[in-house]
Amino acid sequence: MLYLYNSFTKKKEEFKTISKSKVKIYVCGMTVYDYCHIGHARVLVVFDLIVNWLKKIGYEVTYVRNITDIDDKIIKKSLDEKIDVMELTNKYISYMHHDSQKLLLTPPDFEPKATENITEMITIISDLIKKNIAYTSENGDVYFSVEKFNDYGKLSGKTLESLLIGKRVEKNIGKKNFNDFVLWKRRKTDEPYWKAPFGDGRPGWHIECSAMSMKYLGPNFDIHGGGLDLQFPHHENEIAQSESFSQQKFANYWIHNGFVQIGNEKMSKSIGNTVLIKDLLKSFHPEVIKYFMIKTHYRSPITFTISQLSDSKIGLDKLYFCFRKFNFDFSQKINMENNSYTDRFYNAMNDDFNSPLAISVLHEVVGEIFRTKNKKLLNTLYLLTTGLGLLKTTPEDYFTWLPEGFRFSREEIENLIEKRLIYKKKKEFQEADNIRAILSQESIVLDDISSDSTLWRYDLS
């Protein structure tokens, strides 16, 4: 039985699907105007973990994650760089996919772009105007009237009155209420636009997720997810406009992952403390980054440091080393074995995806394997580790992984190791030590397992 923390009710609940054995999940994806950073990586990894586990316990999952390819930041960057909006967004979509593939993540079933779903957005906005829930302002923008949605604030717990505290109320761009939010922005010079019955222009940010989630999953679906920073106003506004349009409950469960912090500060492009995925992949195996993300509970904040990432590598190394040490056969058919480790692992993951506790169980299994030499437990270890979306490669490939642009190729490293073994047999130990030193300078660690056999691994620590 699966329990998850519902951000809407602020409590842990038994998970009950709308359709038996099927889960529909929508996650707010990237706004593609720059490279993906480690905050994006957390969203990607967390929901990959959740989707992977839902499938592991028998659910048929439809996973939708959108791409925002039109908004103010995108337009500003396209103007600053003097390139077409589509050219800009396609460039960063390509980088995002490259990062996701490198992180060994399962792609969503659907990855709709905002610009490909304008018709659906126009339909919703037209309906809200007809119902007198949305209105066209003096300057041509279309706004959602929050006062027309009685339950506004029910996700975040904010009230319209509290949102006005400390705000300077002034006559602005035609809003009837300070908290009204934009659904459609009127056409401006040098900006992309689409024709609509309420005026040429482009969509606001919030409306796109309502349109795309309802298009692919229906007006009521199981899980809506995203980063905690999206809870207000983005998800709050999604609920208001979606339920006003469909007259149905929008999502049954809301899942929000915690922030990534750099030191004591939340990571933010505005203060320039971002860490890019592509830069981390120059030094760390992608599964190390995944392991780092899931060794902390998804709802808790993560404090990022290179030291923490290095500690994660040590933890993941232990899992892979266990399989290498005992010559685990990855090609064999493995059946699930019920034992206390399996029960505890499943209980952890079924308790709001408690991956830190699940990982601690994995390391207990490793400890028992080394103590007892019980190779049957390797099957348990393999099945549980893959349940976390890890172990996507073999120990040999994991330990001999090299970052892009590395000084030596695998073949060159292995040739040097072979030369070293020849020197050792000839008792030319200085020459052999020179080769070890050359490789050591490039963070290549040599493990001599016999007089004529040496294993190597890339290890920054």
Protein backbone atom coordinates (compact mmCIF):
# COMPACT_ATOMS: atom_id res chain seq x y z
CA MET A 1 0.00 0.00 0.00
CA LEU A 2 1.46 3.35 -1.07
CA TYR A 3 1.22 6.50 1.03
CA LEU A 4 2.29 9.91 -0.20
CA TYR A 5 2.37 13.40 1.20
CA ASN A 6 -0.27 15.52 -0.50
CA SER A 7 0.80 19.18 -0.60
CA PHE A 8 -2.86 20.10 -1.00
CA THR A 9 -4.06 18.56 2.28
CA LYS A 10 -0.68 18.99 4.03
CA LYS A 11 -0.72 15.39 5.21
CA LYS A 12 0.31 11.89 4.21
CA GLU A 13 -2.49 9.93 2.53
CA GLU A 14 -3.13 6.50 1.12
CA PHE A 15 -2.73 6.75 -2.64
CA LYS A 16 -5.93 5.88 -4.50
CA THR A 17 -6.00 6.12 -8.27
CA ILE A 18 -8.90 7.34 -10.38
CA SER A 19 -8.64 4.27 -12.65
CA LYS A 20 -7.58 0.93 -11.22
CA SER A 21 -3.86 0.21 -11.70
CA LYS A 22 -3.37 3.36 -13.81
CA VAL A 23 -1.67 6.60 -12.79
CA LYS A 24 -1.80 9.88 -14.67
CA ILE A 25 0.92 12.33 -13.64
CA TYR A 26 1.76 15.81 -14.89
CA VAL A 27 4.97 17.60 -13.96
CA CYS A 28 5.87 21.20 -14.76
CA GLY A 29 8.99 21.06 -16.91
CA MET A 30 11.68 23.45 -18.03
CA THR A 31 11.50 26.98 -19.41
CA VAL A 32 14.04 26.62 -22.20
CA TYR A 33 16.10 29.80 -22.43
CA ASP A 34 19.32 28.58 -20.82
CA TYR A 35 21.22 25.44 -19.80
CA CYS A 36 19.66 23.21 -17.14
CA HIS A 37 21.06 23.60 -13.63
CA ILE A 38 21.12 21.29 -10.65
CA GLY A 39 17.73 22.59 -9.47
CA HIS A 40 16.27 21.31 -12.73
CA ALA A 41 18.17 18.07 -12.20
CA ARG A 42 16.40 17.59 -8.90
CA VAL A 43 12.96 17.89 -10.50
CA LEU A 44 14.00 15.51 -13.28
CA VAL A 45 15.50 12.93 -10.92
CA VAL A 46 12.79 13.11 -8.24
CA PHE A 47 9.94 12.47 -10.66
CA ASP A 48 11.96 9.85 -12.51
CA LEU A 49 12.27 8.09 -9.15
CA ILE A 50 8.54 8.44 -8.44
CA VAL A 51 7.45 7.25 -11.89
CA ASN A 52 9.97 4.39 -11.78
CA TRP A 53 8.65 3.24 -8.40
CA LEU A 54 5.00 3.48 -9.45
CA LYS A 55 5.82 1.18 -12.36
CA LYS A 56 7.83 -1.10 -10.07
CA ILE A 57 4.80 -1.74 -7.87
CA GLY A 58 2.54 -2.50 -10.80
CA TYR A 59 0.95 0.73 -11.99
CA GLU A 60 0.56 1.64 -15.63
CA VAL A 61 1.82 5.22 -15.71
CA THR A 62 1.15 8.04 -18.15
CA TYR A 63 3.80 10.65 -17.48
CA VAL A 64 3.48 14.14 -19.02
CA ARG A 65 6.13 16.83 -18.57
CA ASN A 66 5.73 20.07 -20.50
CA ILE A 67 8.22 22.41 -22.11
CA THR A 68 7.70 26.17 -21.79
CA ASP A 69 9.01 27.54 -25.08
CA ILE A 70 7.42 30.99 -25.02
CA ASP A 71 7.55 33.51 -22.19
CA ASP A 72 9.10 36.87 -21.20
CA LYS A 73 12.57 35.48 -20.41
CA ILE A 74 12.74 33.57 -23.67
CA ILE A 75 11.71 36.61 -25.69
CA LYS A 76 14.19 38.86 -23.88
CA LYS A 77 17.06 36.46 -24.51
CA SER A 78 16.15 36.04 -28.18
CA LEU A 79 16.15 39.83 -28.60
CA ASP A 80 19.41 40.22 -26.66
CA GLU A 81 21.13 37.55 -28.74
CA LYS A 82 19.37 38.61 -31.96
CA ILE A 83 18.19 35.11 -32.81
CA ASP A 84 14.74 33.72 -33.54
CA VAL A 85 12.73 32.48 -30.56
CA MET A 86 12.29 29.00 -32.05
CA GLU A 87 15.99 28.75 -32.81
CA LEU A 88 16.79 29.71 -29.22
CA THR A 89 14.34 27.28 -27.64
CA ASN A 90 15.26 24.38 -29.92
CA LYS A 91 18.90 24.89 -28.93
CA TYR A 92 18.15 24.61 -25.21
CA ILE A 93 15.63 21.81 -25.65
CA SER A 94 18.42 19.87 -27.31
CA TYR A 95 20.75 20.56 -24.37
CA MET A 96 18.00 19.57 -21.91
CA HIS A 97 17.49 16.25 -23.69
CA HIS A 98 21.23 15.69 -23.75
CA ASP A 99 21.41 16.25 -19.98
CA SER A 100 18.43 13.93 -19.37
CA GLN A 101 19.96 11.19 -21.47
CA LYS A 102 23.30 11.59 -19.71
CA LEU A 103 21.50 11.30 -16.36
CA LEU A 104 20.00 8.01 -17.60
CA LEU A 105 16.43 9.19 -17.07
CA THR A 106 13.35 7.62 -18.62
CA PRO A 107 11.73 10.15 -20.99
CA PRO A 108 8.13 11.20 -20.24
CA ASP A 109 5.39 9.60 -22.33
CA PHE A 110 4.42 13.04 -23.60
CA GLU A 111 6.52 16.21 -23.65
CA PRO A 112 4.26 18.89 -25.16
CA LYS A 113 5.47 22.37 -26.00
CA ALA A 114 3.48 25.44 -25.11
CA THR A 115 3.64 26.79 -28.67
CA GLU A 116 2.08 23.57 -30.00
CA ASN A 117 -0.99 23.92 -27.76
CA ILE A 118 -2.09 27.50 -28.29
CA THR A 119 -5.48 26.42 -29.65
CA GLU A 120 -6.28 24.60 -26.40
CA MET A 121 -5.28 27.67 -24.38
CA ILE A 122 -7.46 29.95 -26.49
CA THR A 123 -10.41 27.59 -25.91
CA ILE A 124 -10.01 27.80 -22.13
CA ILE A 125 -9.55 31.58 -22.11
CA SER A 126 -12.59 32.11 -24.36
CA ASP A 127 -14.69 30.01 -22.00
CA LEU A 128 -13.49 31.94 -18.94
CA ILE A 129 -14.31 35.25 -20.63
CA LYS A 130 -17.76 33.93 -21.54
CA LYS A 131 -18.32 32.95 -17.90
CA ASN A 132 -17.22 36.45 -16.82
CA ILE A 133 -14.36 34.91 -14.82
CA ALA A 134 -11.75 36.48 -17.11
CA TYR A 135 -11.75 39.96 -18.63
CA THR A 136 -9.85 42.04 -21.17
CA SER A 137 -8.03 44.96 -19.58
CA GLU A 138 -7.65 48.47 -20.98
CA ASN A 139 -4.33 47.63 -22.62
CA GLY A 140 -5.60 44.44 -24.26
CA ASP A 141 -4.19 41.83 -21.85
CA VAL A 142 -6.65 39.20 -20.59
CA TYR A 143 -6.74 38.58 -16.83
CA PHE A 144 -8.25 35.94 -14.59
CA SER A 145 -10.40 37.52 -11.86
CA VAL A 146 -9.31 35.77 -8.65
CA GLU A 147 -12.33 37.09 -6.77
CA LYS A 148 -14.54 34.97 -9.04
CA PHE A 149 -12.89 31.77 -7.74
CA ASN A 150 -14.02 31.31 -4.15
CA ASP A 151 -11.35 28.76 -3.26
CA TYR A 152 -8.38 30.80 -4.42
CA GLY A 153 -5.44 30.03 -2.14
CA LYS A 154 -6.55 26.52 -1.15
CA LEU A 155 -3.25 24.92 -2.23
CA SER A 156 -0.82 27.45 -0.77
CA GLY A 157 -2.96 28.51 2.19
CA LYS A 158 -2.69 32.16 1.15
CA THR A 159 -5.65 34.52 1.24
CA LEU A 160 -6.32 37.46 -1.05
CA GLU A 161 -6.12 39.75 1.98
CA SER A 162 -2.72 38.43 3.06
CA LEU A 163 -1.36 38.84 -0.47
CA LEU A 164 -2.08 42.57 -0.29
CA ILE A 165 -0.20 43.12 2.98
CA GLY A 166 2.85 45.25 2.38
CA LYS A 167 1.95 45.82 -1.26
CA ARG A 168 1.69 49.31 -2.65
CA VAL A 169 -1.70 49.51 -4.32
CA GLU A 170 -1.56 51.67 -7.40
CA LYS A 171 -3.37 52.01 -10.67
CA ASN A 172 -1.63 49.64 -13.03
CA ILE A 173 -2.18 48.08 -16.41
CA GLY A 174 -5.93 47.67 -16.19
CA LYS A 175 -6.16 44.99 -13.50
CA LYS A 176 -9.36 45.03 -11.50
CA ASN A 177 -7.63 43.39 -8.54
CA PHE A 178 -3.97 43.45 -7.57
CA ASN A 179 -3.88 39.62 -7.48
CA ASP A 180 -5.49 39.02 -10.87
CA PHE A 181 -3.10 37.13 -13.14
CA VAL A 182 -2.57 37.31 -16.87
CA LEU A 183 -3.95 34.64 -19.21
CA TRP A 184 -3.09 36.31 -22.51
CA LYS A 185 -0.69 39.12 -23.36
CA ARG A 186 -1.57 41.47 -26.18
CA ARG A 187 0.66 41.59 -29.25
CA LYS A 188 3.80 43.71 -28.98
CA THR A 189 6.38 44.77 -31.53
CA ASP A 190 9.15 42.22 -32.15
CA GLU A 191 7.35 39.47 -30.22
CA PRO A 192 5.80 36.23 -31.51
CA TYR A 193 2.02 36.28 -31.52
CA TRP A 194 -1.02 34.16 -32.33
CA LYS A 195 -4.47 35.21 -33.49
CA ALA A 196 -7.27 34.89 -30.95
CA PRO A 197 -10.89 36.11 -30.75
CA PHE A 198 -9.94 38.33 -27.80
CA GLY A 199 -6.97 39.87 -29.61
CA ASP A 200 -3.68 38.86 -31.18
CA GLY A 201 -0.98 38.02 -28.66
CA ARG A 202 0.60 35.17 -26.73
CA PRO A 203 -0.27 33.11 -23.67
CA GLY A 204 0.68 33.88 -20.09
CA TRP A 205 2.71 31.27 -18.26
CA HIS A 206 0.04 29.68 -16.05
CA ILE A 207 -2.51 28.85 -18.75
CA GLU A 208 -0.20 26.54 -20.68
CA CYS A 209 -0.03 23.88 -17.96
CA SER A 210 -3.81 23.81 -17.56
CA ALA A 211 -4.25 23.36 -21.31
CA MET A 212 -1.60 20.66 -21.72
CA SER A 213 -2.42 18.64 -18.61
CA MET A 214 -6.13 18.51 -19.47
CA LYS A 215 -5.37 17.71 -23.12
CA TYR A 216 -3.26 14.66 -22.30
CA LEU A 217 -4.70 13.51 -18.97
CA GLY A 218 -8.24 14.89 -18.82
CA PRO A 219 -9.76 17.52 -16.50
CA ASN A 220 -9.20 15.35 -13.39
CA PHE A 221 -6.03 13.31 -13.00
CA ASP A 222 -4.05 11.64 -10.24
CA ILE A 223 -0.83 13.57 -9.54
CA HIS A 224 0.45 17.03 -10.34
CA GLY A 225 4.08 17.71 -9.47
CA GLY A 226 6.87 20.23 -9.64
CA GLY A 227 9.33 22.21 -7.57
CA LEU A 228 8.22 23.80 -4.30
CA ASP A 229 8.82 27.23 -5.82
CA LEU A 230 5.92 26.60 -8.20
CA GLN A 231 3.32 26.02 -5.50
CA PHE A 232 2.48 29.72 -5.51
CA PRO A 233 1.52 31.38 -7.69
CA HIS A 234 1.86 28.95 -10.61
CA HIS A 235 0.07 25.89 -9.25
CA GLU A 236 -2.43 27.99 -7.34
CA ASN A 237 -3.35 29.76 -10.57
CA GLU A 238 -3.52 26.49 -12.48
CA ILE A 239 -6.12 25.21 -10.05
CA ALA A 240 -8.20 28.39 -10.27
CA GLN A 241 -8.34 28.57 -14.07
CA SER A 242 -8.66 24.80 -14.63
CA GLU A 243 -11.47 24.22 -12.16
CA SER A 244 -13.29 27.36 -13.33
CA PHE A 245 -13.14 25.96 -16.85
CA SER A 246 -13.93 22.28 -16.24
CA GLN A 247 -16.07 22.56 -13.09
CA GLN A 248 -14.15 19.52 -11.82
CA LYS A 249 -11.41 18.92 -9.30
CA PHE A 250 -8.10 19.44 -11.10
CA ALA A 251 -5.49 17.06 -9.56
CA ASN A 252 -6.13 14.65 -6.69
CA TYR A 253 -2.60 14.75 -5.28
CA TRP A 254 0.08 17.43 -5.37
CA ILE A 255 3.77 16.55 -4.99
CA HIS A 256 6.44 19.22 -4.56
CA ASN A 257 10.17 18.60 -4.28
CA GLY A 258 12.35 20.74 -2.00
CA PHE A 259 14.82 23.43 -2.98
CA VAL A 260 18.48 23.04 -3.82
CA GLN A 261 20.66 25.32 -1.74
CA ILE A 262 24.19 26.48 -2.43
CA GLY A 263 25.62 27.03 1.03
CA ASN A 264 22.93 28.85 3.01
CA GLU A 265 21.15 30.32 0.00
CA LYS A 266 18.53 28.92 -2.33
CA MET A 267 20.04 28.49 -5.76
CA SER A 268 18.85 31.24 -8.11
CA LYS A 269 19.92 32.59 -11.47
CA SER A 270 19.12 36.08 -10.23
CA ILE A 271 21.94 35.97 -7.66
CA GLY A 272 24.26 34.02 -9.93
CA ASN A 273 24.85 30.91 -7.82
CA THR A 274 23.67 28.28 -10.29
CA VAL A 275 25.47 25.00 -10.92
CA LEU A 276 24.91 23.57 -14.41
CA ILE A 277 24.28 19.88 -15.06
CA LYS A 278 26.62 19.90 -18.03
CA ASP A 279 29.45 21.18 -15.84
CA LEU A 280 28.93 18.52 -13.18
CA LEU A 281 28.98 15.83 -15.87
CA LYS A 282 32.52 16.89 -16.72
CA SER A 283 33.67 15.42 -13.40
CA PHE A 284 31.04 13.02 -12.07
CA HIS A 285 29.35 9.91 -13.42
CA PRO A 286 25.66 10.71 -14.02
CA GLU A 287 24.50 8.06 -11.55
CA VAL A 288 26.49 9.82 -8.83
CA ILE A 289 24.36 12.91 -9.43
CA LYS A 290 21.20 10.76 -9.28
CA TYR A 291 22.38 9.08 -6.09
CA PHE A 292 23.15 12.48 -4.57
CA MET A 293 19.62 13.65 -5.34
CA ILE A 294 17.80 10.64 -3.89
CA LYS A 295 19.87 10.12 -0.75
CA THR A 296 17.91 13.10 0.60
CA HIS A 297 14.12 12.81 0.88
CA TYR A 298 12.48 14.52 -2.08
CA ARG A 299 10.55 16.99 0.10
CA SER A 300 13.63 18.12 2.04
CA PRO A 301 16.02 20.84 0.89
CA ILE A 302 19.40 19.74 -0.47
CA THR A 303 22.56 21.65 0.31
CA PHE A 304 24.87 21.24 -2.65
CA THR A 305 28.63 21.07 -2.30
CA ILE A 306 31.26 19.21 -4.30
CA SER A 307 32.14 17.43 -1.04
CA GLN A 308 28.57 16.12 -0.75
CA LEU A 309 28.71 14.93 -4.33
CA SER A 310 32.02 13.17 -3.65
CA ASP A 311 30.44 11.46 -0.61
CA SER A 312 27.65 10.26 -2.87
CA LYS A 313 30.21 8.74 -5.21
CA ILE A 314 31.69 6.79 -2.31
CA GLY A 315 28.23 5.43 -1.45
CA LEU A 316 27.46 4.43 -5.04
CA ASP A 317 30.96 2.96 -5.48
CA LYS A 318 30.22 0.53 -2.63
CA LEU A 319 27.15 -0.81 -4.44
CA TYR A 320 28.95 -1.28 -7.75
CA PHE A 321 32.06 -2.68 -6.05
CA CYS A 322 29.95 -5.36 -4.38
CA PHE A 323 28.68 -6.59 -7.74
CA ARG A 324 32.18 -6.49 -9.22
CA LYS A 325 33.79 -8.23 -6.24
CA PHE A 326 31.42 -11.20 -6.40
CA ASN A 327 31.23 -11.41 -10.22
CA PHE A 328 27.49 -10.84 -10.44
CA ASP A 329 25.94 -12.09 -13.69
CA PHE A 330 23.84 -9.19 -14.99
CA SER A 331 22.48 -11.27 -17.88
CA GLN A 332 20.69 -13.83 -15.71
CA LYS A 333 16.96 -13.83 -15.09
CA ILE A 334 16.36 -12.70 -11.53
CA ASN A 335 13.25 -13.41 -9.50
CA MET A 336 12.24 -11.35 -6.51
CA GLU A 337 13.07 -12.99 -3.20
CA ASN A 338 11.01 -12.07 -0.17
CA ASN A 339 13.15 -11.41 2.86
CA SER A 340 13.43 -8.83 5.63
CA TYR A 341 15.52 -6.52 3.41
CA THR A 342 12.94 -6.59 0.63
CA ASP A 343 10.11 -5.91 3.08
CA ARG A 344 11.92 -2.98 4.67
CA PHE A 345 12.93 -1.51 1.32
CA TYR A 346 9.37 -1.67 -0.03
CA ASN A 347 7.97 -0.25 3.21
CA ALA A 348 10.36 2.67 2.92
CA MET A 349 9.54 3.46 -0.69
CA ASN A 350 5.81 3.01 -0.12
CA ASP A 351 6.03 5.54 2.70
CA ASP A 352 6.12 8.69 0.59
CA PHE A 353 9.05 7.47 -1.54
CA ASN A 354 11.50 7.44 1.38
CA SER A 355 14.61 6.87 -0.73
CA PRO A 356 17.14 7.74 2.03
CA LEU A 357 15.79 4.91 4.20
CA ALA A 358 15.68 2.60 1.17
CA ILE A 359 19.33 3.39 0.40
CA SER A 360 20.30 2.56 3.99
CA VAL A 361 18.72 -0.88 3.49
CA LEU A 362 20.83 -1.38 0.35
CA HIS A 363 24.00 -0.75 2.30
CA GLU A 364 22.91 -3.19 4.99
CA VAL A 365 22.58 -5.82 2.26
CA VAL A 366 26.06 -4.96 1.00
CA GLY A 367 27.42 -5.34 4.52
CA GLU A 368 25.87 -8.78 4.95
CA ILE A 369 27.13 -9.95 1.55
CA PHE A 370 30.70 -9.06 2.51
CA ARG A 371 30.34 -10.65 5.97
CA THR A 372 28.68 -13.90 4.90
CA LYS A 373 29.69 -14.20 1.22
CA ASN A 374 26.00 -15.00 0.56
CA LYS A 375 25.86 -14.49 -3.20
CA LYS A 376 22.10 -15.11 -3.29
CA LEU A 377 21.67 -11.73 -1.65
CA LEU A 378 23.19 -10.15 -4.78
CA ASN A 379 19.86 -10.86 -6.50
CA THR A 380 18.05 -8.94 -3.77
CA LEU A 381 20.55 -6.12 -3.98
CA TYR A 382 20.19 -5.89 -7.75
CA LEU A 383 16.39 -5.82 -7.76
CA LEU A 384 16.19 -3.25 -4.98
CA THR A 385 18.86 -0.97 -6.43
CA THR A 386 17.19 -0.93 -9.84
CA GLY A 387 13.97 -0.01 -8.02
CA LEU A 388 15.60 3.36 -7.34
CA GLY A 389 16.43 3.87 -11.01
CA LEU A 390 20.10 3.13 -10.36
CA LEU A 391 22.39 0.43 -11.75
CA LYS A 392 21.78 1.42 -15.35
CA THR A 393 25.25 0.18 -16.32
CA THR A 394 27.75 -2.54 -15.41
CA PRO A 395 30.47 -2.19 -12.76
CA GLU A 396 33.13 -2.26 -15.49
CA ASP A 397 31.49 0.60 -17.40
CA TYR A 398 30.76 2.50 -14.19
CA PHE A 399 34.30 2.42 -12.83
CA THR A 400 35.91 3.12 -16.20
CA TRP A 401 33.56 5.98 -17.06
CA LEU A 402 35.41 9.05 -18.30
CA PRO A 403 34.10 12.61 -18.63
CA GLU A 404 33.77 14.17 -22.07
CA GLY A 405 37.04 15.57 -23.38
CA PHE A 406 39.19 13.48 -21.04
CA ARG A 407 42.93 13.47 -21.82
CA PHE A 408 43.09 9.71 -22.44
CA SER A 409 40.67 7.31 -24.10
CA ARG A 410 39.84 3.99 -22.44
CA GLU A 411 41.99 2.22 -25.00
CA GLU A 412 44.95 4.49 -24.26
CA ILE A 413 44.57 3.92 -20.51
CA GLU A 414 44.43 0.17 -20.96
CA ASN A 415 47.49 0.25 -23.23
CA LEU A 416 49.41 2.15 -20.55
CA ILE A 417 48.32 -0.38 -17.94
CA GLU A 418 49.50 -3.22 -20.18
CA LYS A 419 52.88 -1.51 -20.59
CA ARG A 420 53.08 -1.13 -16.81
CA LEU A 421 52.48 -4.84 -16.30
CA ILE A 422 55.25 -5.62 -18.79
CA TYR A 423 57.63 -3.29 -16.96
CA LYS A 424 56.76 -4.97 -13.65
CA LYS A 425 57.47 -8.44 -15.08
CA LYS A 426 60.84 -7.16 -16.29
CA LYS A 427 61.42 -5.72 -12.79
CA GLU A 428 61.69 -2.24 -14.31
CA PHE A 429 59.76 -0.80 -11.40
CA GLN A 430 60.69 2.85 -11.96
CA GLU A 431 59.14 2.77 -15.43
CA ALA A 432 56.05 1.04 -14.00
CA ASP A 433 55.76 3.67 -11.26
CA ASN A 434 56.07 6.45 -13.83
CA ILE A 435 52.99 5.12 -15.66
CA ARG A 436 51.05 4.91 -12.39
CA ALA A 437 52.06 8.51 -11.63
CA ILE A 438 50.97 9.73 -15.08
CA LEU A 439 47.56 8.10 -14.65
CA SER A 440 47.25 9.24 -11.04
CA GLN A 441 47.67 12.85 -12.13
CA GLU A 442 44.54 12.38 -14.26
CA SER A 443 42.61 10.79 -11.33
CA ILE A 444 42.97 7.25 -12.69
CA VAL A 445 43.34 4.85 -9.75
CA LEU A 446 44.95 1.43 -10.34
CA ASP A 447 43.97 -1.64 -8.31
CA ASP A 448 46.41 -4.54 -8.72
CA ILE A 449 44.37 -7.68 -8.08
CA SER A 450 47.14 -10.10 -9.09
CA SER A 451 50.64 -10.05 -10.59
CA ASP A 452 49.21 -9.99 -14.12
CA SER A 453 45.87 -8.24 -13.69
CA THR A 454 45.03 -4.62 -12.86
CA LEU A 455 41.66 -2.90 -12.63
CA TRP A 456 41.35 0.85 -13.05
CA ARG A 457 38.81 3.49 -12.18
CA TYR A 458 38.31 7.21 -12.60
CA ASP A 459 38.11 8.71 -9.11
CA LEU A 460 38.36 12.41 -8.27
CA SER A 461 38.31 11.74 -4.53
